[in-house]
Amino acid sequence: MTSFRILLIIIFTIIYMVIIGYIDFNFLTPLLPLPDDICFYHENKPPLWVDLFYLDGMGHIEPLFSSFHNLALLLLSVIIAIFTAKKIDIILLKREQK
């Protein structure tokens, strides 16, 4: 793997993290059936997906999400960035050979 491809992966990871995080925070999360009261899950059992993706260590639904949610966003961004960097590197190598 070339250093150019590593640089592309880092740049595209940052770009995709911002884009996916913005879409997730502003469009997808408001569509979910989460309670308005941040203390709702102190007395009620949360579903597994809420517990994994949206509850912090104290049982609050915070805008910053849980660590697992942030890790999932980062991994998705890295995977997409790897594919993008690989395609761009291949395109540039083909152009250079001509």
N, C-alpha and C. Protein backbone atom coordinates (compact mmCIF):
# COMPACT_ATOMS: atom_id res chain seq x y z
N MET A 1 0.86 -1.18 0.00
CA MET A 1 0.00 0.00 0.00
C MET A 1 0.90 1.23 0.00
N THR A 2 0.62 2.10 -0.89
CA THR A 2 1.45 3.29 -1.03
C THR A 2 1.09 4.32 0.03
N SER A 3 2.02 5.21 0.26
CA SER A 3 1.75 6.28 1.23
C SER A 3 0.68 7.23 0.71
N PHE A 4 0.59 7.32 -0.62
CA PHE A 4 -0.46 8.16 -1.20
C PHE A 4 -1.84 7.59 -0.88
N ARG A 5 -1.98 6.26 -0.96
CA ARG A 5 -3.26 5.64 -0.66
C ARG A 5 -3.59 5.79 0.83
N ILE A 6 -2.60 5.70 1.69
CA ILE A 6 -2.83 5.90 3.13
C ILE A 6 -3.30 7.32 3.40
N LEU A 7 -2.68 8.28 2.74
CA LEU A 7 -3.11 9.67 2.89
C LEU A 7 -4.54 9.85 2.39
N LEU A 8 -4.88 9.23 1.26
CA LEU A 8 -6.25 9.30 0.75
C LEU A 8 -7.24 8.68 1.74
N ILE A 9 -6.86 7.56 2.35
CA ILE A 9 -7.74 6.91 3.32
C ILE A 9 -7.99 7.82 4.50
N ILE A 10 -6.97 8.47 4.99
CA ILE A 10 -7.14 9.37 6.13
C ILE A 10 -8.03 10.55 5.76
N ILE A 11 -7.79 11.15 4.62
CA ILE A 11 -8.60 12.30 4.19
C ILE A 11 -10.05 11.90 3.97
N PHE A 12 -10.26 10.79 3.27
CA PHE A 12 -11.64 10.36 3.00
C PHE A 12 -12.34 9.87 4.27
N THR A 13 -11.60 9.30 5.22
CA THR A 13 -12.22 8.91 6.49
C THR A 13 -12.77 10.13 7.20
N ILE A 14 -12.02 11.20 7.24
CA ILE A 14 -12.49 12.43 7.89
C ILE A 14 -13.70 12.99 7.16
N ILE A 15 -13.64 13.02 5.85
CA ILE A 15 -14.76 13.55 5.06
C ILE A 15 -16.01 12.70 5.27
N TYR A 16 -15.87 11.37 5.17
CA TYR A 16 -17.03 10.49 5.33
C TYR A 16 -17.55 10.49 6.76
N MET A 17 -16.67 10.65 7.74
CA MET A 17 -17.12 10.71 9.14
C MET A 17 -18.01 11.93 9.36
N VAL A 18 -17.61 13.06 8.79
CA VAL A 18 -18.42 14.27 8.92
C VAL A 18 -19.76 14.11 8.19
N ILE A 19 -19.72 13.58 6.98
CA ILE A 19 -20.95 13.43 6.18
C ILE A 19 -21.90 12.43 6.83
N ILE A 20 -21.40 11.25 7.19
CA ILE A 20 -22.25 10.22 7.78
C ILE A 20 -22.74 10.66 9.15
N GLY A 21 -21.89 11.31 9.94
CA GLY A 21 -22.31 11.81 11.24
C GLY A 21 -23.39 12.87 11.12
N TYR A 22 -23.27 13.75 10.15
CA TYR A 22 -24.28 14.78 9.94
C TYR A 22 -25.61 14.15 9.53
N ILE A 23 -25.56 13.22 8.59
CA ILE A 23 -26.80 12.55 8.15
C ILE A 23 -27.43 11.78 9.30
N ASP A 24 -26.60 11.09 10.07
CA ASP A 24 -27.11 10.29 11.19
C ASP A 24 -27.72 11.19 12.26
N PHE A 25 -27.02 12.23 12.64
CA PHE A 25 -27.48 13.09 13.74
C PHE A 25 -28.68 13.93 13.35
N ASN A 26 -28.72 14.44 12.13
CA ASN A 26 -29.79 15.37 11.74
C ASN A 26 -30.97 14.73 11.05
N PHE A 27 -30.79 13.57 10.43
CA PHE A 27 -31.89 12.99 9.66
C PHE A 27 -32.37 11.64 10.19
N LEU A 28 -31.44 10.74 10.52
CA LEU A 28 -31.84 9.41 10.93
C LEU A 28 -32.28 9.33 12.39
N THR A 29 -31.52 9.91 13.29
CA THR A 29 -31.85 9.83 14.71
C THR A 29 -33.18 10.48 15.05
N PRO A 30 -33.56 11.63 14.49
CA PRO A 30 -34.89 12.18 14.80
C PRO A 30 -36.05 11.29 14.33
N LEU A 31 -35.83 10.40 13.39
CA LEU A 31 -36.88 9.50 12.92
C LEU A 31 -37.10 8.31 13.86
N LEU A 32 -36.15 8.05 14.74
CA LEU A 32 -36.24 6.91 15.64
C LEU A 32 -37.21 7.19 16.79
N PRO A 33 -37.87 6.16 17.29
CA PRO A 33 -38.82 6.36 18.40
C PRO A 33 -38.12 6.44 19.75
N LEU A 34 -37.32 7.46 19.96
CA LEU A 34 -36.65 7.65 21.23
C LEU A 34 -37.49 8.57 22.11
N PRO A 35 -37.51 8.34 23.42
CA PRO A 35 -38.32 9.18 24.30
C PRO A 35 -37.72 10.59 24.42
N ASP A 36 -38.60 11.57 24.68
CA ASP A 36 -38.14 12.95 24.84
C ASP A 36 -37.45 13.15 26.18
N ASP A 37 -37.89 12.43 27.20
CA ASP A 37 -37.30 12.54 28.53
C ASP A 37 -36.01 11.74 28.57
N ILE A 38 -34.89 12.40 28.87
CA ILE A 38 -33.60 11.69 28.87
C ILE A 38 -33.48 10.71 30.04
N CYS A 39 -34.33 10.84 31.04
CA CYS A 39 -34.29 9.93 32.19
C CYS A 39 -35.32 8.80 32.08
N PHE A 40 -35.94 8.62 30.94
CA PHE A 40 -36.98 7.60 30.76
C PHE A 40 -36.46 6.20 31.03
N TYR A 41 -35.25 5.91 30.64
CA TYR A 41 -34.72 4.56 30.78
C TYR A 41 -34.09 4.30 32.15
N HIS A 42 -34.22 5.23 33.10
CA HIS A 42 -33.81 4.93 34.48
C HIS A 42 -34.78 3.93 35.10
N GLU A 43 -36.05 4.03 34.76
CA GLU A 43 -37.07 3.17 35.35
C GLU A 43 -37.59 2.12 34.37
N ASN A 44 -37.32 2.26 33.08
CA ASN A 44 -37.81 1.33 32.07
C ASN A 44 -36.64 0.62 31.41
N LYS A 45 -36.88 -0.62 31.00
CA LYS A 45 -35.85 -1.41 30.33
C LYS A 45 -35.75 -0.97 28.87
N PRO A 46 -34.56 -0.51 28.43
CA PRO A 46 -34.42 -0.08 27.03
C PRO A 46 -34.29 -1.28 26.10
N PRO A 47 -34.72 -1.12 24.86
CA PRO A 47 -34.45 -2.18 23.87
C PRO A 47 -32.94 -2.29 23.63
N LEU A 48 -32.52 -3.43 23.11
CA LEU A 48 -31.09 -3.69 22.92
C LEU A 48 -30.45 -2.67 21.99
N TRP A 49 -31.12 -2.30 20.89
CA TRP A 49 -30.53 -1.36 19.94
C TRP A 49 -30.36 0.02 20.56
N VAL A 50 -31.28 0.42 21.45
CA VAL A 50 -31.14 1.71 22.13
C VAL A 50 -29.99 1.65 23.12
N ASP A 51 -29.88 0.52 23.82
CA ASP A 51 -28.81 0.37 24.79
C ASP A 51 -27.44 0.39 24.12
N LEU A 52 -27.31 -0.26 22.96
CA LEU A 52 -26.02 -0.30 22.27
C LEU A 52 -25.64 1.02 21.61
N PHE A 53 -26.59 1.65 20.95
CA PHE A 53 -26.25 2.80 20.12
C PHE A 53 -26.49 4.16 20.75
N TYR A 54 -27.39 4.28 21.73
CA TYR A 54 -27.79 5.62 22.15
C TYR A 54 -27.65 5.91 23.63
N LEU A 55 -27.46 4.94 24.50
CA LEU A 55 -27.36 5.23 25.92
C LEU A 55 -25.91 5.41 26.34
N ASP A 56 -25.68 6.44 27.14
CA ASP A 56 -24.34 6.58 27.69
C ASP A 56 -24.23 5.71 28.93
N GLY A 57 -23.16 5.82 29.67
CA GLY A 57 -22.94 4.97 30.84
C GLY A 57 -23.94 5.19 31.96
N MET A 58 -24.59 6.35 32.01
CA MET A 58 -25.54 6.65 33.08
C MET A 58 -26.98 6.36 32.66
N GLY A 59 -27.20 5.90 31.46
CA GLY A 59 -28.54 5.59 31.01
C GLY A 59 -29.27 6.76 30.39
N HIS A 60 -28.56 7.79 29.99
CA HIS A 60 -29.17 8.95 29.34
C HIS A 60 -29.00 8.85 27.84
N ILE A 61 -29.99 9.35 27.14
CA ILE A 61 -29.86 9.48 25.68
C ILE A 61 -29.26 10.85 25.42
N GLU A 62 -28.06 10.85 24.94
CA GLU A 62 -27.33 12.10 24.73
C GLU A 62 -27.14 12.33 23.24
N PRO A 63 -26.94 13.57 22.83
CA PRO A 63 -26.65 13.83 21.41
C PRO A 63 -25.32 13.23 20.96
N LEU A 64 -24.42 12.95 21.87
CA LEU A 64 -23.12 12.42 21.48
C LEU A 64 -23.13 10.92 21.26
N PHE A 65 -24.24 10.25 21.54
CA PHE A 65 -24.39 8.82 21.34
C PHE A 65 -23.45 8.03 22.24
N SER A 66 -23.48 6.73 22.11
CA SER A 66 -22.61 5.89 22.92
C SER A 66 -21.28 5.68 22.19
N SER A 67 -20.35 5.08 22.89
CA SER A 67 -19.05 4.81 22.28
C SER A 67 -19.18 3.81 21.14
N PHE A 68 -20.09 2.83 21.28
CA PHE A 68 -20.29 1.85 20.22
C PHE A 68 -20.84 2.50 18.96
N HIS A 69 -21.73 3.46 19.12
CA HIS A 69 -22.29 4.18 17.97
C HIS A 69 -21.19 4.96 17.25
N ASN A 70 -20.37 5.66 18.01
CA ASN A 70 -19.26 6.40 17.40
C ASN A 70 -18.26 5.47 16.73
N LEU A 71 -17.99 4.32 17.34
CA LEU A 71 -17.09 3.34 16.74
C LEU A 71 -17.67 2.79 15.44
N ALA A 72 -18.98 2.53 15.43
CA ALA A 72 -19.63 2.03 14.21
C ALA A 72 -19.56 3.06 13.09
N LEU A 73 -19.76 4.34 13.43
CA LEU A 73 -19.64 5.40 12.42
C LEU A 73 -18.21 5.49 11.89
N LEU A 74 -17.24 5.38 12.78
CA LEU A 74 -15.84 5.44 12.36
C LEU A 74 -15.48 4.26 11.46
N LEU A 75 -15.90 3.06 11.85
CA LEU A 75 -15.58 1.89 11.03
C LEU A 75 -16.25 1.96 9.66
N LEU A 76 -17.49 2.41 9.61
CA LEU A 76 -18.17 2.57 8.33
C LEU A 76 -17.44 3.60 7.47
N SER A 77 -17.00 4.68 8.06
CA SER A 77 -16.26 5.71 7.32
C SER A 77 -14.93 5.18 6.81
N VAL A 78 -14.23 4.40 7.62
CA VAL A 78 -12.94 3.84 7.21
C VAL A 78 -13.13 2.85 6.06
N ILE A 79 -14.15 2.01 6.14
CA ILE A 79 -14.39 1.02 5.09
C ILE A 79 -14.70 1.72 3.76
N ILE A 80 -15.58 2.71 3.80
CA ILE A 80 -15.91 3.44 2.57
C ILE A 80 -14.69 4.20 2.06
N ALA A 81 -13.89 4.77 2.96
CA ALA A 81 -12.69 5.50 2.55
C ALA A 81 -11.66 4.58 1.91
N ILE A 82 -11.53 3.36 2.41
CA ILE A 82 -10.58 2.41 1.82
C ILE A 82 -10.98 2.10 0.38
N PHE A 83 -12.27 1.82 0.17
CA PHE A 83 -12.73 1.53 -1.19
C PHE A 83 -12.56 2.74 -2.11
N THR A 84 -12.87 3.93 -1.61
CA THR A 84 -12.73 5.14 -2.42
C THR A 84 -11.27 5.39 -2.77
N ALA A 85 -10.39 5.28 -1.78
CA ALA A 85 -8.96 5.51 -2.02
C ALA A 85 -8.39 4.49 -3.00
N LYS A 86 -8.85 3.25 -2.88
CA LYS A 86 -8.37 2.21 -3.79
C LYS A 86 -8.80 2.51 -5.23
N LYS A 87 -10.04 2.91 -5.41
CA LYS A 87 -10.53 3.24 -6.76
C LYS A 87 -9.81 4.45 -7.34
N ILE A 88 -9.61 5.48 -6.53
CA ILE A 88 -8.91 6.68 -7.02
C ILE A 88 -7.47 6.36 -7.37
N ASP A 89 -6.82 5.54 -6.55
CA ASP A 89 -5.45 5.16 -6.83
C ASP A 89 -5.36 4.36 -8.13
N ILE A 90 -6.29 3.47 -8.37
CA ILE A 90 -6.31 2.70 -9.61
C ILE A 90 -6.55 3.61 -10.82
N ILE A 91 -7.48 4.53 -10.69
CA ILE A 91 -7.76 5.48 -11.78
C ILE A 91 -6.53 6.32 -12.09
N LEU A 92 -5.85 6.79 -11.06
CA LEU A 92 -4.66 7.61 -11.28
C LEU A 92 -3.51 6.81 -11.89
N LEU A 93 -3.37 5.54 -11.48
CA LEU A 93 -2.33 4.69 -12.06
C LEU A 93 -2.60 4.41 -13.54
N LYS A 94 -3.85 4.20 -13.89
CA LYS A 94 -4.21 3.98 -15.31
C LYS A 94 -3.95 5.22 -16.13
N ARG A 95 -4.27 6.37 -15.56
CA ARG A 95 -4.04 7.64 -16.27
C ARG A 95 -2.55 7.88 -16.45
N GLU A 96 -1.76 7.51 -15.45
CA GLU A 96 -0.31 7.71 -15.51
C GLU A 96 0.34 6.79 -16.56
N GLN A 97 -0.21 5.61 -16.76
CA GLN A 97 0.35 4.67 -17.72
C GLN A 97 0.07 5.08 -19.16
N LYS A 98 -0.93 5.88 -19.39
CA LYS A 98 -1.26 6.29 -20.76
C LYS A 98 -0.33 7.33 -21.30
